[in-house]
């Protein structure tokens, strides 16, 4: 199980790594659950992540294929990477065309020199996000050949992951995704106790932002907070897990 920490700038990379993050995720929290950073900021963040460390990039919730193309182009400018690269795609902007959007993302990824893994993002508060429920997004991910799935929360002020989806249903979702050989990530306003609870599930990645920051989601990543989150995972005896 690996810990993913979302950073909004190159300056936040060092404390995330010092605290024990296994994956650095580039994301702008002011732009929503999957807010994309600008091209220059992404390049700066990527330049601070060691070559042997996995990098994740939030590409937002594109409204159409043109928006997807613009988002994917930022990744292409990174060039080849030695370590895994994950691209997270949300479907809240796509309306009824979520399947086509996700399929286009998978197709686009195969043409990039950085060869990213496509992570389809489902939202536990799917009604608020106006997307299909997590089980349906998982079905789409399997149907189009995505590499993984992330279950997150769309709204960041209305409860964490466990507020929106009860434990048995969450465990079933994780099990189904793993049976489909998908990379499985859990996130969604997780606090220290939420990370501890998520660590009891068989996901591959747990993603955080607010709990890793002094001042919450819009604050600044702090190494000591990242370290406490990492210890909560290890302390539960869970294996080490992608993001928020």
Protein backbone atom coordinates (compact mmCIF):
# COMPACT_ATOMS: atom_id res chain seq x y z
CA UNK A 1 0.00 0.00 0.00
CA UNK A 2 1.40 3.36 -0.99
CA UNK A 3 0.70 6.87 0.26
CA UNK A 4 0.00 9.53 -2.36
CA UNK A 5 0.31 13.19 -1.38
CA UNK A 6 -1.11 15.91 -3.61
CA UNK A 7 1.06 19.01 -4.06
CA UNK A 8 0.17 22.27 -5.74
CA UNK A 9 3.72 23.56 -6.28
CA UNK A 10 7.32 22.45 -6.60
CA UNK A 11 7.99 23.82 -3.10
CA UNK A 12 5.66 21.19 -1.60
CA UNK A 13 7.46 18.23 -3.17
CA UNK A 14 10.37 18.10 -0.70
CA UNK A 15 8.24 18.00 2.49
CA UNK A 16 5.95 15.39 0.92
CA UNK A 17 8.93 13.14 0.17
CA UNK A 18 10.61 13.85 3.52
CA UNK A 19 7.43 12.78 5.30
CA UNK A 20 7.34 9.44 3.50
CA UNK A 21 5.08 9.93 0.47
CA UNK A 22 5.43 7.10 -2.04
CA UNK A 23 3.74 9.00 -4.87
CA UNK A 24 3.67 12.74 -5.53
CA UNK A 25 0.48 13.97 -7.17
CA UNK A 26 0.28 17.29 -9.03
CA UNK A 27 -3.05 18.98 -8.31
CA UNK A 28 -4.45 22.48 -7.78
CA UNK A 29 -7.01 22.23 -4.94
CA UNK A 30 -8.52 25.63 -5.71
CA UNK A 31 -9.83 24.17 -8.98
CA UNK A 32 -11.82 21.34 -7.46
CA UNK A 33 -11.39 17.70 -6.57
CA UNK A 34 -9.20 17.03 -9.62
CA UNK A 35 -8.00 20.54 -10.33
CA UNK A 36 -5.18 20.55 -12.87
CA UNK A 37 -2.05 22.61 -12.33
CA UNK A 38 -0.74 24.77 -15.18
CA UNK A 39 1.83 23.44 -17.64
CA UNK A 40 4.75 25.37 -16.09
CA UNK A 41 3.79 24.29 -12.56
CA UNK A 42 3.51 20.67 -13.67
CA UNK A 43 6.96 20.83 -15.26
CA UNK A 44 8.41 22.33 -12.07
CA UNK A 45 6.80 19.67 -9.87
CA UNK A 46 7.94 16.86 -12.16
CA UNK A 47 11.45 18.27 -12.10
CA UNK A 48 11.57 17.93 -8.31
CA UNK A 49 10.29 14.33 -8.18
CA UNK A 50 13.15 11.80 -8.24
CA UNK A 51 13.37 9.73 -11.40
CA UNK A 52 12.71 6.52 -9.47
CA UNK A 53 9.55 7.89 -7.78
CA UNK A 54 6.03 7.59 -9.18
CA UNK A 55 4.30 10.78 -10.30
CA UNK A 56 0.55 11.29 -10.54
CA UNK A 57 -1.17 14.11 -12.41
CA UNK A 58 -4.76 15.28 -11.99
CA UNK A 59 -6.19 16.28 -15.36
CA UNK A 60 -9.53 17.54 -14.08
CA UNK A 61 -13.00 16.66 -15.36
CA UNK A 62 -12.82 17.62 -19.06
CA UNK A 63 -16.08 18.79 -20.61
CA UNK A 64 -15.25 17.62 -24.12
CA UNK A 65 -12.56 15.92 -26.18
CA UNK A 66 -10.91 19.27 -26.90
CA UNK A 67 -10.49 19.89 -23.18
CA UNK A 68 -9.09 16.39 -22.78
CA UNK A 69 -6.57 17.00 -25.55
CA UNK A 70 -5.34 20.17 -23.87
CA UNK A 71 -4.95 18.36 -20.54
CA UNK A 72 -3.12 15.40 -22.07
CA UNK A 73 -0.78 17.72 -23.98
CA UNK A 74 0.65 18.93 -20.64
CA UNK A 75 1.73 15.38 -19.92
CA UNK A 76 3.33 14.95 -23.31
CA UNK A 77 5.65 17.86 -22.59
CA UNK A 78 7.14 15.96 -19.65
CA UNK A 79 8.86 13.50 -21.95
CA UNK A 80 9.73 9.92 -20.95
CA UNK A 81 9.95 9.04 -17.26
CA UNK A 82 11.81 6.20 -15.59
CA UNK A 83 9.15 5.67 -12.93
CA UNK A 84 5.37 5.12 -13.28
CA UNK A 85 3.23 8.08 -14.33
CA UNK A 86 -0.48 8.14 -13.56
CA UNK A 87 -3.06 10.41 -15.22
CA UNK A 88 -6.32 10.85 -13.32
CA UNK A 89 -9.46 11.62 -15.32
CA UNK A 90 -12.79 12.66 -13.79
CA UNK A 91 -16.12 12.39 -15.59
CA UNK A 92 -18.23 15.08 -13.95
CA UNK A 93 -17.78 17.45 -16.88
CA UNK A 94 -18.65 14.88 -19.54
CA UNK A 95 -22.34 14.38 -18.80
CA UNK A 96 -23.65 11.29 -20.57
CA UNK A 97 -20.43 11.01 -22.60
CA UNK A 98 -18.28 9.73 -19.74
CA UNK A 99 -17.58 6.40 -21.41
CA UNK A 100 -16.44 8.08 -24.63
CA UNK A 101 -14.26 10.51 -22.64
CA UNK A 102 -12.59 7.71 -20.75
CA UNK A 103 -12.07 5.67 -23.90
CA UNK A 104 -10.48 8.70 -25.59
CA UNK A 105 -8.16 9.14 -22.61
CA UNK A 106 -7.01 5.53 -22.86
CA UNK A 107 -6.40 5.92 -26.58
CA UNK A 108 -4.50 9.20 -26.10
CA UNK A 109 -2.27 7.71 -23.40
CA UNK A 110 -0.95 5.03 -25.74
CA UNK A 111 0.43 7.73 -28.04
CA UNK A 112 2.42 9.61 -25.39
CA UNK A 113 6.15 9.10 -24.94
CA UNK A 114 5.68 9.14 -21.16
CA UNK A 115 3.20 6.22 -21.46
CA UNK A 116 1.01 7.11 -18.48
CA UNK A 117 -1.39 4.75 -16.78
CA UNK A 118 -5.00 5.97 -17.02
CA UNK A 119 -6.86 6.20 -13.72
CA UNK A 120 -10.63 6.61 -13.96
CA UNK A 121 -12.00 8.65 -11.06
CA UNK A 122 -15.30 7.77 -9.44
CA UNK A 123 -16.96 9.99 -6.84
CA UNK A 124 -18.58 8.63 -3.68
CA UNK A 125 -20.89 11.68 -3.71
CA UNK A 126 -21.79 10.91 -7.32
CA UNK A 127 -25.20 12.60 -7.27
CA UNK A 128 -23.64 15.96 -6.36
CA UNK A 129 -20.97 15.44 -9.03
CA UNK A 130 -23.59 14.41 -11.61
CA UNK A 131 -21.75 11.26 -12.56
CA UNK A 132 -22.68 7.57 -12.50
CA UNK A 133 -22.26 5.73 -9.18
CA UNK A 134 -18.86 4.21 -8.36
CA UNK A 135 -19.91 0.75 -9.54
CA UNK A 136 -20.82 2.12 -12.98
CA UNK A 137 -17.55 4.04 -13.33
CA UNK A 138 -15.70 0.86 -12.41
CA UNK A 139 -17.59 -0.93 -15.17
CA UNK A 140 -16.60 1.76 -17.67
CA UNK A 141 -12.95 1.53 -16.60
CA UNK A 142 -12.96 -2.21 -17.19
CA UNK A 143 -14.78 -1.87 -20.51
CA UNK A 144 -12.37 0.66 -22.06
CA UNK A 145 -9.15 -0.80 -20.70
CA UNK A 146 -8.20 1.79 -18.10
CA UNK A 147 -5.30 0.88 -15.84
CA UNK A 148 -6.85 1.80 -12.53
CA UNK A 149 -9.64 3.46 -10.57
CA UNK A 150 -9.73 6.05 -7.83
CA UNK A 151 -12.68 6.55 -5.51
CA UNK A 152 -12.68 10.15 -4.28
CA UNK A 153 -15.14 12.80 -3.10
CA UNK A 154 -16.22 15.57 -5.43
CA UNK A 155 -17.30 18.03 -2.77
CA UNK A 156 -14.65 18.76 -0.16
CA UNK A 157 -16.87 20.29 2.49
CA UNK A 158 -19.60 17.68 2.86
CA UNK A 159 -17.93 14.76 4.62
CA UNK A 160 -15.16 12.33 3.83
CA UNK A 161 -15.19 9.12 1.80
CA UNK A 162 -16.72 7.09 4.63
CA UNK A 163 -19.51 9.64 5.09
CA UNK A 164 -20.72 9.00 1.54
CA UNK A 165 -20.24 5.26 1.16
CA UNK A 166 -20.69 2.61 3.83
CA UNK A 167 -17.95 0.13 4.62
CA UNK A 168 -19.38 -3.06 3.12
CA UNK A 169 -20.14 -1.36 -0.19
CA UNK A 170 -16.67 0.20 -0.26
CA UNK A 171 -14.99 -3.12 0.44
CA UNK A 172 -17.03 -4.75 -2.32
CA UNK A 173 -16.03 -2.01 -4.78
CA UNK A 174 -12.35 -2.45 -3.95
CA UNK A 175 -12.62 -6.24 -4.29
CA UNK A 176 -14.34 -6.00 -7.68
CA UNK A 177 -11.72 -3.57 -8.98
CA UNK A 178 -8.91 -5.83 -7.81
CA UNK A 179 -10.56 -8.86 -9.39
CA UNK A 180 -10.46 -6.93 -12.66
CA UNK A 181 -6.70 -6.42 -12.17
CA UNK A 182 -7.04 -2.67 -11.83
CA UNK A 183 -4.85 -0.46 -9.70
CA UNK A 184 -7.11 0.69 -6.85
CA UNK A 185 -6.83 4.02 -5.03
CA UNK A 186 -8.91 5.57 -2.25
CA UNK A 187 -9.08 9.24 -1.30
CA UNK A 188 -11.67 11.83 -0.32
CA UNK A 189 -11.01 14.32 2.49
CA UNK A 190 -9.42 11.58 4.59
CA UNK A 191 -8.20 12.57 8.05
CA UNK A 192 -5.68 10.61 10.08
CA UNK A 193 -8.44 8.29 11.30
CA UNK A 194 -9.81 8.00 7.77
CA UNK A 195 -6.42 6.96 6.46
CA UNK A 196 -6.19 4.39 9.24
CA UNK A 197 -9.62 3.02 8.30
CA UNK A 198 -8.82 2.98 4.59
CA UNK A 199 -5.64 1.06 5.37
CA UNK A 200 -7.72 -1.89 6.48
CA UNK A 201 -8.99 -2.31 2.92
CA UNK A 202 -7.05 -3.95 0.11
CA UNK A 203 -6.46 -0.88 -2.02
CA UNK A 204 -3.09 -0.16 -3.62
CA UNK A 205 -2.96 3.58 -2.88
CA UNK A 206 -4.36 6.02 -0.35
CA UNK A 207 -4.41 9.66 -1.43
CA UNK A 208 -4.41 12.77 0.77
CA UNK A 209 -4.15 16.52 0.53
CA UNK A 210 -5.81 18.40 3.40
CA UNK A 211 -4.60 16.06 6.15
CA UNK A 212 -1.03 16.53 4.93
CA UNK A 213 -1.20 20.32 5.09
CA UNK A 214 -0.87 22.95 7.77
CA UNK A 215 -4.02 24.99 7.22
CA UNK A 216 -5.98 22.21 5.55
CA UNK A 217 -6.54 21.56 1.86
CA UNK A 218 -5.61 25.12 0.84
CA UNK A 219 -2.62 25.21 3.19
CA UNK A 220 0.93 23.94 2.78
CA UNK A 221 2.22 20.36 2.86
CA UNK A 222 4.18 19.62 6.05
CA UNK A 223 6.61 16.71 6.41
CA UNK A 224 5.52 15.94 9.99
CA UNK A 225 1.86 15.61 8.96
CA UNK A 226 2.77 13.36 6.03
CA UNK A 227 4.87 11.27 8.41
CA UNK A 228 1.94 10.84 10.79
CA UNK A 229 -0.31 9.69 7.94
CA UNK A 230 2.31 7.24 6.75
CA UNK A 231 2.72 5.90 10.28
CA UNK A 232 -1.04 5.44 10.59
CA UNK A 233 -0.96 3.15 7.57
CA UNK A 234 2.04 1.15 8.70
CA UNK A 235 0.78 1.07 12.29
CA UNK A 236 -2.33 -0.76 11.21
CA UNK A 237 -0.17 -3.45 9.69
CA UNK A 238 -1.57 -2.63 6.28
CA UNK A 239 0.51 -3.28 3.20
CA UNK A 240 1.98 0.32 1.74
CA UNK A 241 -1.00 2.11 -1.42
CA UNK A 242 -2.90 6.75 -5.57
CA UNK A 243 -5.15 10.06 -4.80
CA UNK A 244 -7.03 12.75 -3.62
